[in-house]
Amino acid sequence: MLHKLFYITFFSLLIVSCKSPEARRPVQSQSGTFIKESAQRNKEIYEAEKKYIENIIAIDTSKTYYSSENGFWYYYNKRDTTQAPKPKTGDLVEFTYSIKDLNGNSILTEKENGLQRYKIDQSNQELISGVRDGIKLMNEGEVVTLLLPSYKAYGYYGIEGKLGTNIPVQSTITLRSIQYINEK
């Protein structure tokens, strides 16, 4: 009888222990709303900055402004009317630039930035995307002022102690030289 009780208990334990494990449920589930809210917030910031820049352009009738397909506006301080080629990927350029807020207050001077050497689309350099894109629109010797929404400038990070977050800026670039790599 003791043997029967032992076998019944043993087989009962085997049957109960063969149950497949249940998957654990996550403690917290992500719905993706943070990303959607962030994208919506960024669109609203851009639209407000765009409207602000367009108002500046409408008031300033002394300059001819151009709209870039890269999301910023610019005008020529000094323009080269020859049809010289603009820099392309791999070309080496030397330039200086300054950064100001849209009211004209200096944030970074040409002296602070110094002479920059940049290989178009190939340098891993600390340049804001607006400056990188603006250089591609220039000929050697030209001076161009870019009006950049914050996402093309310093965006969310700003410049510690100099520029807050999400602030549009203007940058004046002087393209000193272009060394064409793929000349034909």
N, C-alpha and C. Protein backbone atom coordinates (compact mmCIF):
# COMPACT_ATOMS: atom_id res chain seq x y z
N MET A 1 0.80 -1.18 0.00
CA MET A 1 0.00 0.00 0.00
C MET A 1 0.86 1.26 0.00
N LEU A 2 1.92 1.20 0.73
CA LEU A 2 2.83 2.32 0.79
C LEU A 2 3.45 2.57 -0.59
N HIS A 3 3.71 1.48 -1.31
CA HIS A 3 4.25 1.61 -2.67
C HIS A 3 3.26 2.30 -3.57
N LYS A 4 1.98 1.96 -3.46
CA LYS A 4 0.96 2.59 -4.30
C LYS A 4 0.86 4.08 -4.00
N LEU A 5 0.87 4.42 -2.74
CA LEU A 5 0.79 5.83 -2.35
C LEU A 5 2.00 6.61 -2.88
N PHE A 6 3.17 5.98 -2.80
CA PHE A 6 4.38 6.60 -3.30
C PHE A 6 4.29 6.84 -4.81
N TYR A 7 3.83 5.84 -5.59
CA TYR A 7 3.72 5.97 -7.03
C TYR A 7 2.66 6.99 -7.42
N ILE A 8 1.57 7.05 -6.73
CA ILE A 8 0.52 8.03 -7.03
C ILE A 8 1.05 9.44 -6.78
N THR A 9 1.73 9.63 -5.68
CA THR A 9 2.29 10.95 -5.36
C THR A 9 3.37 11.32 -6.38
N PHE A 10 4.21 10.36 -6.74
CA PHE A 10 5.28 10.61 -7.69
C PHE A 10 4.72 11.00 -9.05
N PHE A 11 3.74 10.26 -9.58
CA PHE A 11 3.15 10.57 -10.88
C PHE A 11 2.34 11.86 -10.85
N SER A 12 1.73 12.16 -9.74
CA SER A 12 0.99 13.43 -9.60
C SER A 12 1.96 14.61 -9.69
N LEU A 13 3.09 14.49 -9.02
CA LEU A 13 4.10 15.54 -9.08
C LEU A 13 4.66 15.69 -10.49
N LEU A 14 4.87 14.59 -11.19
CA LEU A 14 5.35 14.64 -12.56
C LEU A 14 4.37 15.37 -13.48
N ILE A 15 3.11 15.07 -13.34
CA ILE A 15 2.08 15.70 -14.18
C ILE A 15 2.00 17.20 -13.90
N VAL A 16 2.03 17.57 -12.63
CA VAL A 16 1.94 18.98 -12.27
C VAL A 16 3.20 19.72 -12.71
N SER A 17 4.36 19.11 -12.62
CA SER A 17 5.61 19.78 -12.97
C SER A 17 5.80 19.89 -14.48
N CYS A 18 5.05 19.21 -15.29
CA CYS A 18 5.18 19.27 -16.75
C CYS A 18 4.41 20.44 -17.35
N LYS A 19 3.78 21.24 -16.57
CA LYS A 19 3.04 22.39 -17.07
C LYS A 19 4.04 23.35 -17.71
N SER A 20 3.73 23.86 -18.91
CA SER A 20 4.64 24.78 -19.62
C SER A 20 4.71 26.11 -18.89
N PRO A 21 5.86 26.77 -18.94
CA PRO A 21 6.01 28.04 -18.22
C PRO A 21 5.18 29.14 -18.88
N GLU A 22 4.65 30.02 -18.07
CA GLU A 22 3.87 31.14 -18.59
C GLU A 22 4.79 32.31 -18.83
N ALA A 23 4.52 33.03 -19.90
CA ALA A 23 5.32 34.21 -20.22
C ALA A 23 5.06 35.30 -19.19
N ARG A 24 6.12 36.01 -18.83
CA ARG A 24 5.94 37.12 -17.91
C ARG A 24 5.40 38.32 -18.67
N ARG A 25 4.53 39.04 -18.09
CA ARG A 25 3.99 40.25 -18.68
C ARG A 25 4.88 41.43 -18.31
N PRO A 26 5.05 42.38 -19.24
CA PRO A 26 5.88 43.55 -18.89
C PRO A 26 5.23 44.36 -17.78
N VAL A 27 6.08 44.93 -16.97
CA VAL A 27 5.60 45.74 -15.87
C VAL A 27 4.96 47.01 -16.42
N GLN A 28 5.57 47.57 -17.49
CA GLN A 28 5.07 48.80 -18.07
C GLN A 28 5.14 48.67 -19.58
N SER A 29 4.10 49.05 -20.28
CA SER A 29 4.12 48.96 -21.74
C SER A 29 4.25 50.36 -22.32
N GLN A 30 4.99 50.46 -23.42
CA GLN A 30 5.19 51.74 -24.10
C GLN A 30 4.20 51.84 -25.24
N SER A 31 3.52 52.96 -25.32
CA SER A 31 2.53 53.14 -26.36
C SER A 31 3.06 53.94 -27.54
N GLY A 32 4.24 54.55 -27.43
CA GLY A 32 4.79 55.34 -28.52
C GLY A 32 4.29 56.77 -28.52
N THR A 33 3.55 57.16 -27.51
CA THR A 33 3.00 58.52 -27.49
C THR A 33 4.09 59.56 -27.28
N PHE A 34 5.16 59.22 -26.58
CA PHE A 34 6.23 60.19 -26.37
C PHE A 34 6.83 60.63 -27.70
N ILE A 35 7.09 59.68 -28.58
CA ILE A 35 7.66 60.00 -29.89
C ILE A 35 6.69 60.84 -30.69
N LYS A 36 5.43 60.47 -30.69
CA LYS A 36 4.43 61.24 -31.44
C LYS A 36 4.29 62.65 -30.89
N GLU A 37 4.29 62.79 -29.58
CA GLU A 37 4.19 64.11 -28.96
C GLU A 37 5.42 64.94 -29.26
N SER A 38 6.59 64.33 -29.24
CA SER A 38 7.83 65.03 -29.53
C SER A 38 7.84 65.51 -30.98
N ALA A 39 7.43 64.67 -31.90
CA ALA A 39 7.37 65.06 -33.31
C ALA A 39 6.40 66.22 -33.51
N GLN A 40 5.26 66.16 -32.87
CA GLN A 40 4.27 67.24 -32.98
C GLN A 40 4.82 68.53 -32.39
N ARG A 41 5.49 68.43 -31.26
CA ARG A 41 6.09 69.61 -30.62
C ARG A 41 7.14 70.24 -31.53
N ASN A 42 7.98 69.42 -32.17
CA ASN A 42 9.00 69.92 -33.08
C ASN A 42 8.39 70.60 -34.30
N LYS A 43 7.29 70.05 -34.82
CA LYS A 43 6.60 70.68 -35.95
C LYS A 43 6.07 72.06 -35.56
N GLU A 44 5.51 72.15 -34.37
CA GLU A 44 4.98 73.43 -33.89
C GLU A 44 6.10 74.45 -33.70
N ILE A 45 7.24 74.01 -33.17
CA ILE A 45 8.39 74.91 -33.00
C ILE A 45 8.86 75.41 -34.35
N TYR A 46 8.98 74.50 -35.33
CA TYR A 46 9.43 74.90 -36.66
C TYR A 46 8.46 75.89 -37.30
N GLU A 47 7.18 75.63 -37.20
CA GLU A 47 6.19 76.53 -37.81
C GLU A 47 6.27 77.92 -37.19
N ALA A 48 6.45 78.01 -35.88
CA ALA A 48 6.56 79.32 -35.21
C ALA A 48 7.84 80.04 -35.66
N GLU A 49 8.94 79.30 -35.75
CA GLU A 49 10.20 79.90 -36.20
C GLU A 49 10.11 80.34 -37.66
N LYS A 50 9.49 79.52 -38.48
CA LYS A 50 9.32 79.85 -39.90
C LYS A 50 8.52 81.14 -40.05
N LYS A 51 7.45 81.26 -39.31
CA LYS A 51 6.61 82.46 -39.36
C LYS A 51 7.42 83.68 -38.91
N TYR A 52 8.19 83.54 -37.85
CA TYR A 52 9.02 84.63 -37.33
C TYR A 52 10.04 85.08 -38.38
N ILE A 53 10.72 84.13 -39.01
CA ILE A 53 11.72 84.44 -40.04
C ILE A 53 11.05 85.08 -41.25
N GLU A 54 9.91 84.58 -41.67
CA GLU A 54 9.20 85.16 -42.81
C GLU A 54 8.75 86.59 -42.51
N ASN A 55 8.41 86.89 -41.26
CA ASN A 55 8.08 88.27 -40.89
C ASN A 55 9.31 89.17 -41.00
N ILE A 56 10.47 88.69 -40.57
CA ILE A 56 11.71 89.45 -40.71
C ILE A 56 11.99 89.74 -42.18
N ILE A 57 11.82 88.74 -43.03
CA ILE A 57 12.07 88.89 -44.46
C ILE A 57 11.09 89.90 -45.07
N ALA A 58 9.83 89.84 -44.66
CA ALA A 58 8.82 90.75 -45.20
C ALA A 58 9.12 92.20 -44.83
N ILE A 59 9.64 92.41 -43.64
CA ILE A 59 9.96 93.77 -43.19
C ILE A 59 11.21 94.31 -43.87
N ASP A 60 12.20 93.46 -44.11
CA ASP A 60 13.48 93.87 -44.68
C ASP A 60 13.41 93.85 -46.20
N THR A 61 13.08 94.99 -46.80
CA THR A 61 12.95 95.07 -48.26
C THR A 61 14.26 95.47 -48.93
N SER A 62 15.31 95.73 -48.16
CA SER A 62 16.58 96.16 -48.74
C SER A 62 17.41 95.00 -49.30
N LYS A 63 17.03 93.77 -48.99
CA LYS A 63 17.78 92.59 -49.44
C LYS A 63 16.87 91.65 -50.23
N THR A 64 17.50 90.88 -51.09
CA THR A 64 16.77 89.85 -51.82
C THR A 64 17.04 88.52 -51.13
N TYR A 65 16.01 87.95 -50.56
CA TYR A 65 16.13 86.68 -49.83
C TYR A 65 15.79 85.51 -50.74
N TYR A 66 16.47 84.42 -50.52
CA TYR A 66 16.23 83.18 -51.25
C TYR A 66 15.86 82.10 -50.25
N SER A 67 15.01 81.20 -50.69
CA SER A 67 14.61 80.08 -49.85
C SER A 67 15.39 78.85 -50.30
N SER A 68 16.04 78.19 -49.37
CA SER A 68 16.80 76.99 -49.68
C SER A 68 15.89 75.77 -49.63
N GLU A 69 16.18 74.80 -50.45
CA GLU A 69 15.42 73.56 -50.39
C GLU A 69 15.76 72.76 -49.13
N ASN A 70 16.78 73.21 -48.39
CA ASN A 70 17.18 72.55 -47.15
C ASN A 70 16.51 73.14 -45.92
N GLY A 71 15.55 74.05 -46.09
CA GLY A 71 14.79 74.53 -44.95
C GLY A 71 15.29 75.79 -44.28
N PHE A 72 16.05 76.63 -44.99
CA PHE A 72 16.47 77.90 -44.42
C PHE A 72 16.42 78.97 -45.50
N TRP A 73 16.68 80.22 -45.12
CA TRP A 73 16.63 81.36 -46.02
C TRP A 73 17.99 82.02 -46.01
N TYR A 74 18.33 82.72 -47.10
CA TYR A 74 19.63 83.36 -47.17
C TYR A 74 19.60 84.55 -48.12
N TYR A 75 20.59 85.43 -47.94
CA TYR A 75 20.80 86.53 -48.88
C TYR A 75 22.30 86.73 -49.05
N TYR A 76 22.66 87.36 -50.18
CA TYR A 76 24.07 87.60 -50.48
C TYR A 76 24.50 88.97 -49.97
N ASN A 77 25.56 89.01 -49.17
CA ASN A 77 26.20 90.26 -48.78
C ASN A 77 27.17 90.67 -49.89
N LYS A 78 27.83 89.67 -50.47
CA LYS A 78 28.75 89.87 -51.58
C LYS A 78 28.56 88.69 -52.51
N ARG A 79 28.21 88.98 -53.77
CA ARG A 79 27.88 87.90 -54.70
C ARG A 79 28.85 87.88 -55.86
N ASP A 80 29.24 86.68 -56.26
CA ASP A 80 30.08 86.47 -57.44
C ASP A 80 29.15 86.13 -58.59
N THR A 81 29.14 86.96 -59.61
CA THR A 81 28.20 86.75 -60.72
C THR A 81 28.75 85.82 -61.80
N THR A 82 30.01 85.39 -61.66
CA THR A 82 30.54 84.43 -62.63
C THR A 82 29.88 83.08 -62.39
N GLN A 83 29.94 82.25 -63.35
CA GLN A 83 29.32 80.93 -63.24
C GLN A 83 30.33 79.87 -62.79
N ALA A 84 31.15 80.24 -61.82
CA ALA A 84 32.12 79.28 -61.28
C ALA A 84 31.38 78.14 -60.61
N PRO A 85 31.96 76.95 -60.64
CA PRO A 85 31.28 75.82 -59.99
C PRO A 85 31.26 75.95 -58.47
N LYS A 86 30.18 75.51 -57.90
CA LYS A 86 30.03 75.50 -56.45
C LYS A 86 30.70 74.24 -55.91
N PRO A 87 31.07 74.23 -54.63
CA PRO A 87 31.75 73.05 -54.09
C PRO A 87 30.82 71.82 -54.09
N LYS A 88 31.42 70.69 -54.36
CA LYS A 88 30.69 69.41 -54.37
C LYS A 88 31.36 68.46 -53.38
N THR A 89 30.74 67.32 -53.18
CA THR A 89 31.24 66.32 -52.23
C THR A 89 32.72 66.03 -52.50
N GLY A 90 33.51 66.12 -51.44
CA GLY A 90 34.94 65.83 -51.52
C GLY A 90 35.81 67.06 -51.70
N ASP A 91 35.24 68.17 -52.18
CA ASP A 91 36.03 69.39 -52.35
C ASP A 91 36.41 69.95 -50.99
N LEU A 92 37.57 70.58 -50.93
CA LEU A 92 38.07 71.16 -49.69
C LEU A 92 37.84 72.67 -49.73
N VAL A 93 37.16 73.20 -48.72
CA VAL A 93 36.87 74.63 -48.67
C VAL A 93 37.47 75.23 -47.40
N GLU A 94 37.80 76.51 -47.50
CA GLU A 94 38.22 77.29 -46.34
C GLU A 94 37.24 78.44 -46.20
N PHE A 95 36.77 78.66 -44.99
CA PHE A 95 35.77 79.70 -44.77
C PHE A 95 35.83 80.19 -43.34
N THR A 96 35.20 81.34 -43.13
CA THR A 96 34.99 81.86 -41.79
C THR A 96 33.50 82.09 -41.63
N TYR A 97 33.03 82.05 -40.39
CA TYR A 97 31.61 82.31 -40.16
C TYR A 97 31.39 82.85 -38.76
N SER A 98 30.28 83.55 -38.63
CA SER A 98 29.87 84.06 -37.32
C SER A 98 28.42 83.64 -37.10
N ILE A 99 28.02 83.64 -35.85
CA ILE A 99 26.65 83.30 -35.48
C ILE A 99 26.09 84.45 -34.66
N LYS A 100 24.88 84.89 -35.03
CA LYS A 100 24.16 85.93 -34.29
C LYS A 100 22.73 85.46 -34.09
N ASP A 101 22.07 86.04 -33.09
CA ASP A 101 20.63 85.76 -33.00
C ASP A 101 19.94 86.60 -34.07
N LEU A 102 18.64 86.44 -34.25
CA LEU A 102 17.95 87.13 -35.33
C LEU A 102 17.80 88.63 -35.07
N ASN A 103 18.14 89.08 -33.87
CA ASN A 103 18.14 90.52 -33.57
C ASN A 103 19.50 91.14 -33.84
N GLY A 104 20.48 90.33 -34.25
CA GLY A 104 21.81 90.84 -34.57
C GLY A 104 22.80 90.80 -33.43
N ASN A 105 22.43 90.23 -32.30
CA ASN A 105 23.36 90.12 -31.16
C ASN A 105 24.33 88.98 -31.40
N SER A 106 25.62 89.27 -31.25
CA SER A 106 26.66 88.29 -31.53
C SER A 106 26.65 87.14 -30.52
N ILE A 107 26.76 85.93 -31.03
CA ILE A 107 26.84 84.73 -30.20
C ILE A 107 28.23 84.12 -30.34
N LEU A 108 28.67 83.89 -31.57
CA LEU A 108 30.02 83.42 -31.87
C LEU A 108 30.59 84.28 -33.00
N THR A 109 31.75 84.87 -32.79
CA THR A 109 32.35 85.73 -33.80
C THR A 109 33.23 84.91 -34.75
N GLU A 110 33.59 85.53 -35.87
CA GLU A 110 34.52 84.87 -36.80
C GLU A 110 35.84 84.57 -36.10
N LYS A 111 36.27 85.49 -35.25
CA LYS A 111 37.53 85.30 -34.53
C LYS A 111 37.46 84.08 -33.61
N GLU A 112 36.33 83.94 -32.89
CA GLU A 112 36.16 82.77 -32.01
C GLU A 112 36.15 81.47 -32.79
N ASN A 113 35.51 81.47 -33.96
CA ASN A 113 35.42 80.26 -34.78
C ASN A 113 36.70 80.00 -35.55
N GLY A 114 37.42 81.06 -35.92
CA GLY A 114 38.67 80.92 -36.67
C GLY A 114 38.43 80.47 -38.10
N LEU A 115 39.50 80.31 -38.83
CA LEU A 115 39.44 79.84 -40.21
C LEU A 115 39.12 78.34 -40.20
N GLN A 116 38.09 77.98 -40.90
CA GLN A 116 37.64 76.59 -40.92
C GLN A 116 38.06 75.92 -42.23
N ARG A 117 38.50 74.70 -42.15
CA ARG A 117 38.78 73.87 -43.33
C ARG A 117 37.80 72.71 -43.27
N TYR A 118 37.10 72.51 -44.37
CA TYR A 118 36.03 71.51 -44.37
C TYR A 118 36.01 70.78 -45.70
N LYS A 119 36.00 69.47 -45.65
CA LYS A 119 35.86 68.64 -46.84
C LYS A 119 34.37 68.35 -47.00
N ILE A 120 33.78 68.86 -48.05
CA ILE A 120 32.33 68.83 -48.24
C ILE A 120 31.78 67.41 -48.08
N ASP A 121 30.85 67.27 -47.17
CA ASP A 121 30.13 66.02 -46.88
C ASP A 121 31.04 64.85 -46.49
N GLN A 122 32.30 65.13 -46.12
CA GLN A 122 33.18 64.03 -45.75
C GLN A 122 33.92 64.27 -44.45
N SER A 123 33.90 65.50 -43.97
CA SER A 123 34.58 65.79 -42.70
C SER A 123 33.65 65.47 -41.55
N ASN A 124 34.22 64.94 -40.51
CA ASN A 124 33.44 64.66 -39.30
C ASN A 124 33.66 65.84 -38.35
N GLN A 125 33.20 67.01 -38.80
CA GLN A 125 33.51 68.27 -38.14
C GLN A 125 32.30 68.78 -37.38
N GLU A 126 32.55 69.53 -36.32
CA GLU A 126 31.49 70.08 -35.49
C GLU A 126 30.90 71.34 -36.13
N LEU A 127 30.22 71.18 -37.24
CA LEU A 127 29.54 72.30 -37.90
C LEU A 127 28.04 72.04 -37.86
N ILE A 128 27.28 73.09 -37.63
CA ILE A 128 25.83 72.92 -37.67
C ILE A 128 25.40 72.64 -39.10
N SER A 129 24.32 71.93 -39.26
CA SER A 129 23.90 71.50 -40.60
C SER A 129 23.58 72.68 -41.51
N GLY A 130 23.09 73.79 -40.96
CA GLY A 130 22.80 74.96 -41.78
C GLY A 130 24.05 75.52 -42.44
N VAL A 131 25.15 75.56 -41.72
CA VAL A 131 26.42 76.05 -42.29
C VAL A 131 26.92 75.07 -43.35
N ARG A 132 26.86 73.78 -43.06
CA ARG A 132 27.30 72.77 -44.04
C ARG A 132 26.50 72.89 -45.33
N ASP A 133 25.19 73.06 -45.22
CA ASP A 133 24.34 73.19 -46.40
C ASP A 133 24.54 74.53 -47.10
N GLY A 134 24.76 75.58 -46.33
CA GLY A 134 24.94 76.92 -46.91
C GLY A 134 26.20 77.02 -47.75
N ILE A 135 27.27 76.38 -47.34
CA ILE A 135 28.53 76.43 -48.09
C ILE A 135 28.34 75.88 -49.50
N LYS A 136 27.50 74.88 -49.64
CA LYS A 136 27.28 74.25 -50.95
C LYS A 136 26.58 75.19 -51.93
N LEU A 137 26.00 76.29 -51.43
CA LEU A 137 25.31 77.25 -52.29
C LEU A 137 26.21 78.39 -52.74
N MET A 138 27.46 78.39 -52.30
CA MET A 138 28.34 79.54 -52.48
C MET A 138 29.43 79.31 -53.51
N ASN A 139 29.89 80.43 -54.08
CA ASN A 139 31.08 80.45 -54.92
C ASN A 139 32.21 81.05 -54.11
N GLU A 140 33.43 80.80 -54.55
CA GLU A 140 34.60 81.35 -53.87
C GLU A 140 34.53 82.87 -53.82
N GLY A 141 34.81 83.43 -52.65
CA GLY A 141 34.81 84.88 -52.47
C GLY A 141 33.47 85.47 -52.05
N GLU A 142 32.43 84.68 -52.05
CA GLU A 142 31.10 85.20 -51.69
C GLU A 142 30.94 85.29 -50.18
N VAL A 143 30.06 86.21 -49.78
CA VAL A 143 29.67 86.34 -48.38
C VAL A 143 28.15 86.21 -48.36
N VAL A 144 27.66 85.26 -47.58
CA VAL A 144 26.23 84.96 -47.53
C VAL A 144 25.77 84.95 -46.07
N THR A 145 24.58 85.48 -45.83
CA THR A 145 23.98 85.41 -44.50
C THR A 145 22.81 84.45 -44.56
N LEU A 146 22.82 83.47 -43.68
CA LEU A 146 21.78 82.45 -43.61
C LEU A 146 20.88 82.75 -42.42
N LEU A 147 19.58 82.60 -42.60
CA LEU A 147 18.62 82.66 -41.50
C LEU A 147 18.19 81.22 -41.24
N LEU A 148 18.60 80.70 -40.09
CA LEU A 148 18.44 79.27 -39.81
C LEU A 148 17.42 79.01 -38.71
N PRO A 149 16.41 78.19 -38.98
CA PRO A 149 15.56 77.74 -37.87
C PRO A 149 16.40 76.89 -36.93
N SER A 150 15.96 76.73 -35.71
CA SER A 150 16.77 76.08 -34.69
C SER A 150 17.19 74.66 -35.06
N TYR A 151 16.37 73.93 -35.80
CA TYR A 151 16.74 72.55 -36.12
C TYR A 151 17.92 72.49 -37.10
N LYS A 152 18.18 73.58 -37.83
CA LYS A 152 19.34 73.64 -38.73
C LYS A 152 20.54 74.28 -38.02
N ALA A 153 20.32 74.71 -36.78
CA ALA A 153 21.39 75.38 -36.02
C ALA A 153 21.73 74.53 -34.80
N TYR A 154 21.46 75.05 -33.62
CA TYR A 154 21.88 74.37 -32.39
C TYR A 154 20.74 73.63 -31.70
N GLY A 155 19.53 73.74 -32.24
CA GLY A 155 18.39 72.95 -31.81
C GLY A 155 18.15 72.88 -30.32
N TYR A 156 17.88 71.69 -29.87
CA TYR A 156 17.51 71.44 -28.49
C TYR A 156 18.66 71.73 -27.52
N TYR A 157 19.91 71.58 -27.98
CA TYR A 157 21.06 71.70 -27.09
C TYR A 157 21.50 73.14 -26.86
N GLY A 158 21.39 73.99 -27.88
CA GLY A 158 21.85 75.36 -27.74
C GLY A 158 23.37 75.39 -27.56
N ILE A 159 23.87 76.50 -27.03
CA ILE A 159 25.28 76.63 -26.70
C ILE A 159 25.33 77.06 -25.24
N GLU A 160 25.94 76.24 -24.42
CA GLU A 160 25.96 76.49 -22.99
C GLU A 160 26.50 77.89 -22.68
N GLY A 161 25.70 78.66 -21.98
CA GLY A 161 26.10 79.99 -21.56
C GLY A 161 25.98 81.07 -22.64
N LYS A 162 25.61 80.68 -23.88
CA LYS A 162 25.53 81.66 -24.95
C LYS A 162 24.20 81.66 -25.68
N LEU A 163 23.60 80.49 -25.86
CA LEU A 163 22.39 80.38 -26.66
C LEU A 163 21.48 79.32 -26.05
N GLY A 164 20.23 79.69 -25.82
CA GLY A 164 19.28 78.76 -25.25
C GLY A 164 18.83 77.70 -26.25
N THR A 165 17.87 76.91 -25.85
CA THR A 165 17.38 75.83 -26.70
C THR A 165 16.34 76.35 -27.68
N ASN A 166 16.30 75.70 -28.84
CA ASN A 166 15.32 75.99 -29.89
C ASN A 166 15.24 77.47 -30.25
N ILE A 167 16.39 78.07 -30.55
CA ILE A 167 16.44 79.47 -30.93
C ILE A 167 17.00 79.57 -32.36
N PRO A 168 16.25 80.20 -33.27
CA PRO A 168 16.77 80.39 -34.62
C PRO A 168 17.91 81.41 -34.60
N VAL A 169 18.83 81.27 -35.54
CA VAL A 169 20.00 82.15 -35.59
C VAL A 169 20.26 82.58 -37.03
N GLN A 170 21.17 83.54 -37.17
CA GLN A 170 21.69 83.88 -38.49
C GLN A 170 23.19 83.65 -38.49
N SER A 171 23.69 83.21 -39.62
CA SER A 171 25.12 82.94 -39.75
C SER A 171 25.62 83.63 -41.01
N THR A 172 26.68 84.41 -40.88
CA THR A 172 27.30 85.04 -42.03
C THR A 172 28.58 84.27 -42.34
N ILE A 173 28.63 83.75 -43.58
CA ILE A 173 29.73 82.89 -44.01
C ILE A 173 30.51 83.60 -45.11
N THR A 174 31.83 83.58 -45.01
CA THR A 174 32.71 84.08 -46.07
C THR A 174 33.49 82.88 -46.60
N LEU A 175 33.24 82.53 -47.86
CA LEU A 175 33.93 81.38 -48.47
C LEU A 175 35.24 81.88 -49.06
N ARG A 176 36.34 81.56 -48.40
CA ARG A 176 37.67 82.07 -48.79
C ARG A 176 38.24 81.34 -50.00
N SER A 177 38.15 80.01 -50.01
CA SER A 177 38.73 79.27 -51.14
C SER A 177 38.04 77.91 -51.29
N ILE A 178 38.12 77.42 -52.51
CA ILE A 178 37.62 76.07 -52.83
C ILE A 178 38.74 75.34 -53.56
N GLN A 179 39.07 74.17 -53.07
CA GLN A 179 40.03 73.31 -53.77
C GLN A 179 39.19 72.17 -54.36
N TYR A 180 39.02 72.22 -55.69
CA TYR A 180 38.20 71.22 -56.36
C TYR A 180 38.98 69.91 -56.46
N ILE A 181 38.43 68.85 -55.95
CA ILE A 181 39.10 67.55 -55.95
C ILE A 181 38.89 66.82 -57.27
N ASN A 182 37.70 66.88 -57.80
CA ASN A 182 37.37 66.16 -59.02
C ASN A 182 37.28 67.10 -60.21
N GLU A 183 38.30 67.94 -60.42
CA GLU A 183 38.29 68.87 -61.56
C GLU A 183 38.45 68.07 -62.85
N LYS A 184 37.73 68.53 -63.87
CA LYS A 184 37.84 67.89 -65.19
C LYS A 184 38.10 68.92 -66.24
